Amino acid sequence: MKIRKHLKLAGFSLCAVLFFTACSDDADISSNSNERGKATMRFNLTDAPAGYDAVYIDVQEVRVHAATQDTAESGWITMDNVQPGIYNLLDFRNGLDTLIAYGDVPAGKISQIRLILGAQNSVVINGVSENLKTPSAQQSGLKLQVNYRLEPGLKYEFWIDFDASRSIVERGNGDYNLKPVIRVYTASTTGSIDGIITPATAHSSVLAYNSAGDSAMAIGDTASGYFLISGLTPDNYTVEFDPVAPFAPEDTTGIMVSAGMVTHLDSVRLN
């Protein structure tokens, strides 16, 4: 299998977020309170694949926690420019995303991001819509740890990647809970793997993982066979292809991923 690497333009810098927890209420502050330097932040929503008809999440607010030396500027900043609404996560795969919030924040250290969801979250399974219960997210939001220093005058862009397949939990009584499993990444600190699966009718899922246990998935486009796995920590990866019958699974090892780069796997033919 031929492997090529292309440089992907990455004009932004932000470290990857590793986990989220429920958070307590804190005082909000306005980004307008910053009278010194500011940095611009952009938040994009994307998704890992899932075997559902649709997964809808109700995005209401995005907040950033600033931890500057000036205590008057420290606290939760609500993004002024938010695109609230109900988003189908399955619309944003294989490199597709959508901008959900942006704005200026005080230059300095940021420690957390909080994603506030509304009550209109649901999953569609075999044509039937089921409500997703999200008690903690509705009350205080999903807190994403970041810990990064922003420089004044620069722009920072990152992606909030829901793993829809692991974020939905079926309860014993037939109800469904939304317990989001989220990766947050930037192009400048992570790398990507893409390629084209032939034939596209193989409907193959693609899993990339390294020896540390980091993993991410994609599903080949049903028309073109194209796939893209983003937000990978720089390392060597194994890539597994798991198509539908009668096509046979296949894997390849030693795929090197570098920060700010896209590693291209040329046409991957499944037998």
C-alpha atoms as a PDB file:
ATOM      1  CA  MET A   1       0.000   0.000   0.000  1.00  0.00           C
ATOM      2  CA  LYS A   2       1.457   3.365  -1.012  1.00  0.00           C
ATOM      3  CA  ILE A   3       1.592   6.032   1.687  1.00  0.00           C
ATOM      4  CA  ARG A   4       2.157   9.734   1.064  1.00  0.00           C
ATOM      5  CA  LYS A   5       2.255  12.744   3.388  1.00  0.00           C
ATOM      6  CA  HIS A   6       1.111  16.248   2.570  1.00  0.00           C
ATOM      7  CA  LEU A   7       1.548  19.325   4.718  1.00  0.00           C
ATOM      8  CA  LYS A   8      -1.749  20.660   5.981  1.00  0.00           C
ATOM      9  CA  LEU A   9      -1.860  24.397   6.655  1.00  0.00           C
ATOM     10  CA  ALA A  10      -2.281  24.970  10.357  1.00  0.00           C
ATOM     11  CA  GLY A  11      -2.318  28.563  11.490  1.00  0.00           C
ATOM     12  CA  PHE A  12      -3.669  27.902  14.913  1.00  0.00           C
ATOM     13  CA  SER A  13      -2.193  26.453  18.114  1.00  0.00           C
ATOM     14  CA  LEU A  14      -4.071  24.794  20.958  1.00  0.00           C
ATOM     15  CA  CYS A  15      -3.452  21.626  22.949  1.00  0.00           C
ATOM     16  CA  ALA A  16      -5.802  18.647  22.836  1.00  0.00           C
ATOM     17  CA  VAL A  17      -8.439  18.265  25.526  1.00  0.00           C
ATOM     18  CA  LEU A  18      -8.363  14.891  27.212  1.00  0.00           C
ATOM     19  CA  PHE A  19     -11.597  14.588  29.175  1.00  0.00           C
ATOM     20  CA  PHE A  20     -14.766  16.246  30.441  1.00  0.00           C
ATOM     21  CA  THR A  21     -16.612  16.301  33.773  1.00  0.00           C
ATOM     22  CA  ALA A  22     -19.784  17.810  35.147  1.00  0.00           C
ATOM     23  CA  CYS A  23     -19.142  21.290  36.495  1.00  0.00           C
ATOM     24  CA  SER A  24     -20.446  23.579  39.200  1.00  0.00           C
ATOM     25  CA  ASP A  25     -21.854  27.047  38.693  1.00  0.00           C
ATOM     26  CA  ASP A  26     -19.394  29.965  38.543  1.00  0.00           C
ATOM     27  CA  ALA A  27     -19.856  33.652  37.877  1.00  0.00           C
ATOM     28  CA  ASP A  28     -19.925  34.583  34.194  1.00  0.00           C
ATOM     29  CA  ILE A  29     -17.912  37.514  32.899  1.00  0.00           C
ATOM     30  CA  SER A  30     -18.212  39.326  29.606  1.00  0.00           C
ATOM     31  CA  SER A  31     -15.419  39.133  27.031  1.00  0.00           C
ATOM     32  CA  ASN A  32     -15.922  42.886  26.671  1.00  0.00           C
ATOM     33  CA  SER A  33     -14.307  43.330  30.105  1.00  0.00           C
ATOM     34  CA  ASN A  34     -10.868  42.714  28.631  1.00  0.00           C
ATOM     35  CA  GLU A  35      -9.277  46.089  28.036  1.00  0.00           C
ATOM     36  CA  ARG A  36      -5.836  44.679  27.185  1.00  0.00           C
ATOM     37  CA  GLY A  37      -4.953  42.189  24.454  1.00  0.00           C
ATOM     38  CA  LYS A  38      -7.469  39.667  23.197  1.00  0.00           C
ATOM     39  CA  ALA A  39      -7.263  36.375  21.331  1.00  0.00           C
ATOM     40  CA  THR A  40      -9.939  34.974  19.014  1.00  0.00           C
ATOM     41  CA  MET A  41     -11.327  31.451  19.523  1.00  0.00           C
ATOM     42  CA  ARG A  42     -13.422  29.397  17.090  1.00  0.00           C
ATOM     43  CA  PHE A  43     -15.295  26.201  17.972  1.00  0.00           C
ATOM     44  CA  ASN A  44     -16.327  23.643  15.329  1.00  0.00           C
ATOM     45  CA  LEU A  45     -18.576  20.619  15.844  1.00  0.00           C
ATOM     46  CA  THR A  46     -17.715  17.288  14.215  1.00  0.00           C
ATOM     47  CA  ASP A  47     -18.509  13.617  14.838  1.00  0.00           C
ATOM     48  CA  ALA A  48     -17.181  10.089  14.882  1.00  0.00           C
ATOM     49  CA  PRO A  49     -19.466   7.554  13.115  1.00  0.00           C
ATOM     50  CA  ALA A  50     -22.342   5.718  14.759  1.00  0.00           C
ATOM     51  CA  GLY A  51     -24.867   3.095  13.697  1.00  0.00           C
ATOM     52  CA  TYR A  52     -27.964   5.252  14.132  1.00  0.00           C
ATOM     53  CA  ASP A  53     -30.287   6.997  11.710  1.00  0.00           C
ATOM     54  CA  ALA A  54     -29.585  10.348  13.394  1.00  0.00           C
ATOM     55  CA  VAL A  55     -28.222  11.774  16.644  1.00  0.00           C
ATOM     56  CA  TYR A  56     -29.518  15.250  17.496  1.00  0.00           C
ATOM     57  CA  ILE A  57     -27.920  17.467  20.144  1.00  0.00           C
ATOM     58  CA  ASP A  58     -29.314  20.782  21.330  1.00  0.00           C
ATOM     59  CA  VAL A  59     -26.426  23.284  21.527  1.00  0.00           C
ATOM     60  CA  GLN A  60     -27.240  26.429  23.507  1.00  0.00           C
ATOM     61  CA  GLU A  61     -24.023  28.062  24.756  1.00  0.00           C
ATOM     62  CA  VAL A  62     -20.248  27.773  24.715  1.00  0.00           C
ATOM     63  CA  ARG A  63     -18.202  29.245  27.561  1.00  0.00           C
ATOM     64  CA  VAL A  64     -14.470  29.554  28.217  1.00  0.00           C
ATOM     65  CA  HIS A  65     -12.862  29.763  31.650  1.00  0.00           C
ATOM     66  CA  ALA A  66     -10.108  32.379  31.754  1.00  0.00           C
ATOM     67  CA  ALA A  67      -7.479  32.212  34.487  1.00  0.00           C
ATOM     68  CA  THR A  68      -5.579  35.465  33.990  1.00  0.00           C
ATOM     69  CA  GLN A  69      -3.432  37.228  36.603  1.00  0.00           C
ATOM     70  CA  ASP A  70      -6.025  39.968  36.690  1.00  0.00           C
ATOM     71  CA  THR A  71      -8.766  38.558  38.920  1.00  0.00           C
ATOM     72  CA  ALA A  72     -11.278  40.940  37.339  1.00  0.00           C
ATOM     73  CA  GLU A  73     -10.845  39.071  34.062  1.00  0.00           C
ATOM     74  CA  SER A  74     -10.812  35.568  35.521  1.00  0.00           C
ATOM     75  CA  GLY A  75     -13.958  33.443  35.348  1.00  0.00           C
ATOM     76  CA  TRP A  76     -16.416  32.075  32.808  1.00  0.00           C
ATOM     77  CA  ILE A  77     -16.743  33.971  29.518  1.00  0.00           C
ATOM     78  CA  THR A  78     -19.834  33.265  27.424  1.00  0.00           C
ATOM     79  CA  MET A  79     -19.072  33.403  23.712  1.00  0.00           C
ATOM     80  CA  ASP A  80     -20.964  36.324  22.172  1.00  0.00           C
ATOM     81  CA  ASN A  81     -21.246  34.674  18.750  1.00  0.00           C
ATOM     82  CA  VAL A  82     -22.989  31.322  19.216  1.00  0.00           C
ATOM     83  CA  GLN A  83     -25.045  29.429  16.645  1.00  0.00           C
ATOM     84  CA  PRO A  84     -27.627  27.759  18.938  1.00  0.00           C
ATOM     85  CA  GLY A  85     -29.737  24.996  17.488  1.00  0.00           C
ATOM     86  CA  ILE A  86     -30.327  21.282  17.127  1.00  0.00           C
ATOM     87  CA  TYR A  87     -27.533  19.578  15.166  1.00  0.00           C
ATOM     88  CA  ASN A  88     -27.532  16.090  13.692  1.00  0.00           C
ATOM     89  CA  LEU A  89     -24.059  14.809  14.584  1.00  0.00           C
ATOM     90  CA  LEU A  90     -24.130  12.324  11.715  1.00  0.00           C
ATOM     91  CA  ASP A  91     -24.081  15.214   9.236  1.00  0.00           C
ATOM     92  CA  PHE A  92     -20.500  16.031  10.249  1.00  0.00           C
ATOM     93  CA  ARG A  93     -18.229  13.128   9.327  1.00  0.00           C
ATOM     94  CA  ASN A  94     -15.168  12.559   7.115  1.00  0.00           C
ATOM     95  CA  GLY A  95     -13.861  16.084   7.474  1.00  0.00           C
ATOM     96  CA  LEU A  96     -17.226  17.849   7.581  1.00  0.00           C
ATOM     97  CA  ASP A  97     -17.855  20.213  10.477  1.00  0.00           C
ATOM     98  CA  THR A  98     -19.886  23.263  11.411  1.00  0.00           C
ATOM     99  CA  LEU A  99     -18.965  26.421  13.290  1.00  0.00           C
ATOM    100  CA  ILE A 100     -20.991  26.669  16.514  1.00  0.00           C
ATOM    101  CA  ALA A 101     -19.281  29.563  18.331  1.00  0.00           C
ATOM    102  CA  TYR A 102     -16.527  32.149  18.109  1.00  0.00           C
ATOM    103  CA  GLY A 103     -15.391  35.264  19.878  1.00  0.00           C
ATOM    104  CA  ASP A 104     -12.641  37.182  21.623  1.00  0.00           C
ATOM    105  CA  VAL A 105     -11.310  36.234  25.055  1.00  0.00           C
ATOM    106  CA  PRO A 106      -8.659  37.842  27.273  1.00  0.00           C
ATOM    107  CA  ALA A 107      -5.122  36.830  26.333  1.00  0.00           C
ATOM    108  CA  GLY A 108      -3.589  34.571  28.955  1.00  0.00           C
ATOM    109  CA  LYS A 109      -4.350  31.152  30.326  1.00  0.00           C
ATOM    110  CA  ILE A 110      -7.602  29.300  29.657  1.00  0.00           C
ATOM    111  CA  SER A 111      -8.326  26.229  31.714  1.00  0.00           C
ATOM    112  CA  GLN A 112     -11.707  24.863  30.598  1.00  0.00           C
ATOM    113  CA  ILE A 113     -14.445  24.994  28.004  1.00  0.00           C
ATOM    114  CA  ARG A 114     -18.082  24.469  28.924  1.00  0.00           C
ATOM    115  CA  LEU A 115     -20.623  23.247  26.365  1.00  0.00           C
ATOM    116  CA  ILE A 116     -24.211  23.962  27.424  1.00  0.00           C
ATOM    117  CA  LEU A 117     -26.891  21.693  25.958  1.00  0.00           C
ATOM    118  CA  GLY A 118     -30.639  22.190  25.935  1.00  0.00           C
ATOM    119  CA  ALA A 119     -33.338  19.567  26.472  1.00  0.00           C
ATOM    120  CA  GLN A 120     -34.072  18.720  22.804  1.00  0.00           C
ATOM    121  CA  ASN A 121     -31.584  15.844  22.405  1.00  0.00           C
ATOM    122  CA  SER A 122     -32.673  12.663  20.649  1.00  0.00           C
ATOM    123  CA  VAL A 123     -31.541   9.587  18.749  1.00  0.00           C
ATOM    124  CA  VAL A 124     -33.337   7.986  15.787  1.00  0.00           C
ATOM    125  CA  ILE A 125     -33.098   4.187  15.681  1.00  0.00           C
ATOM    126  CA  ASN A 126     -34.748   2.239  12.844  1.00  0.00           C
ATOM    127  CA  GLY A 127     -36.896   5.248  12.079  1.00  0.00           C
ATOM    128  CA  VAL A 128     -38.081   5.712  15.682  1.00  0.00           C
ATOM    129  CA  SER A 129     -37.057   8.851  17.607  1.00  0.00           C
ATOM    130  CA  GLU A 130     -36.047   8.360  21.238  1.00  0.00           C
ATOM    131  CA  ASN A 131     -35.465  11.166  23.738  1.00  0.00           C
ATOM    132  CA  LEU A 132     -31.945  11.421  25.178  1.00  0.00           C
ATOM    133  CA  LYS A 133     -31.808  12.316  28.857  1.00  0.00           C
ATOM    134  CA  THR A 134     -28.905  14.616  29.754  1.00  0.00           C
ATOM    135  CA  PRO A 135     -29.462  15.803  33.338  1.00  0.00           C
ATOM    136  CA  SER A 136     -25.951  17.049  34.146  1.00  0.00           C
ATOM    137  CA  ALA A 137     -25.423  18.703  30.766  1.00  0.00           C
ATOM    138  CA  GLN A 138     -28.718  20.596  31.008  1.00  0.00           C
ATOM    139  CA  GLN A 139     -27.966  21.923  34.492  1.00  0.00           C
ATOM    140  CA  SER A 140     -24.328  22.983  34.324  1.00  0.00           C
ATOM    141  CA  GLY A 141     -22.811  21.930  31.009  1.00  0.00           C
ATOM    142  CA  LEU A 142     -20.057  19.641  29.817  1.00  0.00           C
ATOM    143  CA  LYS A 143     -16.725  20.828  31.129  1.00  0.00           C
ATOM    144  CA  LEU A 144     -13.712  20.181  28.878  1.00  0.00           C
ATOM    145  CA  GLN A 145     -10.255  20.605  30.405  1.00  0.00           C
ATOM    146  CA  VAL A 146      -7.767  22.476  28.186  1.00  0.00           C
ATOM    147  CA  ASN A 147      -5.020  24.397  30.061  1.00  0.00           C
ATOM    148  CA  TYR A 148      -3.426  26.559  27.392  1.00  0.00           C
ATOM    149  CA  ARG A 149      -2.014  30.066  27.129  1.00  0.00           C
ATOM    150  CA  LEU A 150      -3.440  32.380  24.484  1.00  0.00           C
ATOM    151  CA  GLU A 151      -1.303  35.096  22.946  1.00  0.00           C
ATOM    152  CA  PRO A 152      -2.901  38.488  22.146  1.00  0.00           C
ATOM    153  CA  GLY A 153      -3.846  39.103  18.536  1.00  0.00           C
ATOM    154  CA  LEU A 154      -3.790  35.426  17.485  1.00  0.00           C
ATOM    155  CA  LYS A 155      -6.613  33.117  16.354  1.00  0.00           C
ATOM    156  CA  TYR A 156      -7.135  29.659  17.862  1.00  0.00           C
ATOM    157  CA  GLU A 157      -9.426  27.109  16.221  1.00  0.00           C
ATOM    158  CA  PHE A 158     -10.378  23.698  17.486  1.00  0.00           C
ATOM    159  CA  TRP A 159     -12.880  20.922  16.924  1.00  0.00           C
ATOM    160  CA  ILE A 160     -15.312  19.369  19.413  1.00  0.00           C
ATOM    161  CA  ASP A 161     -15.597  15.754  18.263  1.00  0.00           C
ATOM    162  CA  PHE A 162     -18.539  13.774  19.681  1.00  0.00           C
ATOM    163  CA  ASP A 163     -18.157  10.001  19.594  1.00  0.00           C
ATOM    164  CA  ALA A 164     -21.843   9.319  18.985  1.00  0.00           C
ATOM    165  CA  SER A 165     -21.492   5.534  19.158  1.00  0.00           C
ATOM    166  CA  ARG A 166     -20.103   5.687  22.717  1.00  0.00           C
ATOM    167  CA  SER A 167     -22.099   8.703  23.883  1.00  0.00           C
ATOM    168  CA  ILE A 168     -25.510   6.998  23.858  1.00  0.00           C
ATOM    169  CA  VAL A 169     -26.286   4.559  26.660  1.00  0.00           C
ATOM    170  CA  GLU A 170     -29.433   2.399  26.649  1.00  0.00           C
ATOM    171  CA  ARG A 171     -30.923   1.913  30.084  1.00  0.00           C
ATOM    172  CA  GLY A 172     -32.666  -1.239  31.261  1.00  0.00           C
ATOM    173  CA  ASN A 173     -36.091   0.375  31.086  1.00  0.00           C
ATOM    174  CA  GLY A 174     -35.682   1.206  27.394  1.00  0.00           C
ATOM    175  CA  ASP A 175     -34.743   4.850  27.919  1.00  0.00           C
ATOM    176  CA  TYR A 176     -31.590   6.361  26.438  1.00  0.00           C
ATOM    177  CA  ASN A 177     -29.051   8.612  28.151  1.00  0.00           C
ATOM    178  CA  LEU A 178     -26.624  10.991  26.493  1.00  0.00           C
ATOM    179  CA  LYS A 179     -23.255  10.657  28.256  1.00  0.00           C
ATOM    180  CA  PRO A 180     -20.955  12.427  25.813  1.00  0.00           C
ATOM    181  CA  VAL A 181     -17.553  11.008  24.983  1.00  0.00           C
ATOM    182  CA  ILE A 182     -15.706  13.918  23.397  1.00  0.00           C
ATOM    183  CA  ARG A 183     -12.313  14.572  21.839  1.00  0.00           C
ATOM    184  CA  VAL A 184     -11.144  18.128  21.308  1.00  0.00           C
ATOM    185  CA  TYR A 185      -8.280  18.755  18.922  1.00  0.00           C
ATOM    186  CA  THR A 186      -6.568  21.250  16.643  1.00  0.00           C
ATOM    187  CA  ALA A 187      -4.903  20.760  13.273  1.00  0.00           C
ATOM    188  CA  SER A 188      -1.556  22.150  14.444  1.00  0.00           C
ATOM    189  CA  THR A 189      -1.096  19.736  17.364  1.00  0.00           C
ATOM    190  CA  THR A 190      -2.598  16.575  15.826  1.00  0.00           C
ATOM    191  CA  GLY A 191      -2.504  14.734  12.510  1.00  0.00           C
ATOM    192  CA  SER A 192      -4.936  12.932  10.226  1.00  0.00           C
ATOM    193  CA  ILE A 193      -5.227   9.836   8.033  1.00  0.00           C
ATOM    194  CA  ASP A 194      -7.341   9.745   4.879  1.00  0.00           C
ATOM    195  CA  GLY A 195      -7.855   7.525   1.858  1.00  0.00           C
ATOM    196  CA  ILE A 196     -10.368   5.994  -0.537  1.00  0.00           C
ATOM    197  CA  ILE A 197     -11.902   2.556  -0.068  1.00  0.00           C
ATOM    198  CA  THR A 198     -12.851   0.579  -3.144  1.00  0.00           C
ATOM    199  CA  PRO A 199     -15.399  -0.569  -3.854  1.00  0.00           C
ATOM    200  CA  ALA A 200     -17.493   1.995  -1.972  1.00  0.00           C
ATOM    201  CA  THR A 201     -20.200  -0.671  -1.673  1.00  0.00           C
ATOM    202  CA  ALA A 202     -18.029  -2.368   0.978  1.00  0.00           C
ATOM    203  CA  HIS A 203     -19.416   0.216   3.448  1.00  0.00           C
ATOM    204  CA  SER A 204     -16.303  -0.230   5.552  1.00  0.00           C
ATOM    205  CA  SER A 205     -15.661   1.296   8.942  1.00  0.00           C
ATOM    206  CA  VAL A 206     -12.077   2.399   9.581  1.00  0.00           C
ATOM    207  CA  LEU A 207     -10.359   2.273  12.974  1.00  0.00           C
ATOM    208  CA  ALA A 208      -6.961   3.845  13.691  1.00  0.00           C
ATOM    209  CA  TYR A 209      -5.197   3.070  16.975  1.00  0.00           C
ATOM    210  CA  ASN A 210      -1.717   3.252  18.494  1.00  0.00           C
ATOM    211  CA  SER A 211       0.119   1.300  21.190  1.00  0.00           C
ATOM    212  CA  ALA A 212      -0.957   3.795  23.869  1.00  0.00           C
ATOM    213  CA  GLY A 213      -4.614   2.925  23.276  1.00  0.00           C
ATOM    214  CA  ASP A 214      -5.557   6.154  21.501  1.00  0.00           C
ATOM    215  CA  SER A 215      -8.127   5.443  18.788  1.00  0.00           C
ATOM    216  CA  ALA A 216     -10.551   7.113  16.404  1.00  0.00           C
ATOM    217  CA  MET A 217     -12.970   5.906  13.732  1.00  0.00           C
ATOM    218  CA  ALA A 218     -14.482   6.855  10.412  1.00  0.00           C
ATOM    219  CA  ILE A 219     -16.821   5.250   7.864  1.00  0.00           C
ATOM    220  CA  GLY A 220     -16.102   5.341   4.160  1.00  0.00           C
ATOM    221  CA  ASP A 221     -18.485   7.536   2.185  1.00  0.00           C
ATOM    222  CA  THR A 222     -21.127   5.317   0.589  1.00  0.00           C
ATOM    223  CA  ALA A 223     -20.717   7.005  -2.818  1.00  0.00           C
ATOM    224  CA  SER A 224     -16.980   7.757  -3.105  1.00  0.00           C
ATOM    225  CA  GLY A 225     -15.417   5.514  -0.463  1.00  0.00           C
ATOM    226  CA  TYR A 226     -13.486   8.494   0.948  1.00  0.00           C
ATOM    227  CA  PHE A 227     -12.663   8.552   4.672  1.00  0.00           C
ATOM    228  CA  LEU A 228     -10.842  10.946   6.990  1.00  0.00           C
ATOM    229  CA  ILE A 229      -9.772  10.359  10.600  1.00  0.00           C
ATOM    230  CA  SER A 230      -8.669  13.590  12.290  1.00  0.00           C
ATOM    231  CA  GLY A 231      -7.374  14.603  15.709  1.00  0.00           C
ATOM    232  CA  LEU A 232      -4.779  11.831  16.053  1.00  0.00           C
ATOM    233  CA  THR A 233      -1.880  12.251  18.475  1.00  0.00           C
ATOM    234  CA  PRO A 234       1.425  12.074  16.544  1.00  0.00           C
ATOM    235  CA  ASP A 235       2.541   8.415  16.632  1.00  0.00           C
ATOM    236  CA  ASN A 236       2.606   5.163  14.644  1.00  0.00           C
ATOM    237  CA  TYR A 237      -0.845   3.717  13.998  1.00  0.00           C
ATOM    238  CA  THR A 238      -2.503   0.523  12.878  1.00  0.00           C
ATOM    239  CA  VAL A 239      -5.462   1.076  10.549  1.00  0.00           C
ATOM    240  CA  GLU A 240      -8.177  -1.589  10.415  1.00  0.00           C
ATOM    241  CA  PHE A 241     -10.859  -1.825   7.737  1.00  0.00           C
ATOM    242  CA  ASP A 242     -14.050  -3.683   8.678  1.00  0.00           C
ATOM    243  CA  PRO A 243     -16.405  -3.928   5.668  1.00  0.00           C
ATOM    244  CA  VAL A 244     -19.797  -5.582   5.373  1.00  0.00           C
ATOM    245  CA  ALA A 245     -20.028  -9.183   4.137  1.00  0.00           C
ATOM    246  CA  PRO A 246     -18.926 -10.673   1.823  1.00  0.00           C
ATOM    247  CA  PHE A 247     -15.887  -8.352   1.834  1.00  0.00           C
ATOM    248  CA  ALA A 248     -12.961  -9.413   4.012  1.00  0.00           C
ATOM    249  CA  PRO A 249     -11.435  -7.257   6.790  1.00  0.00           C
ATOM    250  CA  GLU A 250      -7.972  -5.865   6.238  1.00  0.00           C
ATOM    251  CA  ASP A 251      -5.429  -3.959   8.302  1.00  0.00           C
ATOM    252  CA  THR A 252      -2.130  -2.183   7.794  1.00  0.00           C
ATOM    253  CA  THR A 253       0.490  -1.224  10.378  1.00  0.00           C
ATOM    254  CA  GLY A 254       3.226   1.358  10.765  1.00  0.00           C
ATOM    255  CA  ILE A 255       1.185   4.337   9.571  1.00  0.00           C
ATOM    256  CA  MET A 256       3.046   7.396  10.844  1.00  0.00           C
ATOM    257  CA  VAL A 257       0.996  10.419  11.863  1.00  0.00           C
ATOM    258  CA  SER A 258       2.700  13.789  12.399  1.00  0.00           C
ATOM    259  CA  ALA A 259       1.363  17.048  13.811  1.00  0.00           C
ATOM    260  CA  GLY A 260      -0.126  19.346  11.186  1.00  0.00           C
ATOM    261  CA  MET A 261       0.060  16.642   8.499  1.00  0.00           C
ATOM    262  CA  VAL A 262      -2.383  14.441   6.620  1.00  0.00           C
ATOM    263  CA  THR A 263      -1.085  10.929   5.935  1.00  0.00           C
ATOM    264  CA  HIS A 264      -2.699   9.757   2.703  1.00  0.00           C
ATOM    265  CA  LEU A 265      -3.452   6.090   2.145  1.00  0.00           C
ATOM    266  CA  ASP A 266      -3.973   5.761  -1.566  1.00  0.00           C
ATOM    267  CA  SER A 267      -6.814   3.595  -2.846  1.00  0.00           C
ATOM    268  CA  VAL A 268      -7.478   0.738  -0.419  1.00  0.00           C
ATOM    269  CA  ARG A 269      -9.064  -2.179  -2.278  1.00  0.00           C
ATOM    270  CA  LEU A 270     -11.054  -4.678  -0.225  1.00  0.00           C
ATOM    271  CA  ASN A 271     -11.584  -8.170  -1.582  1.00  0.00           C
END
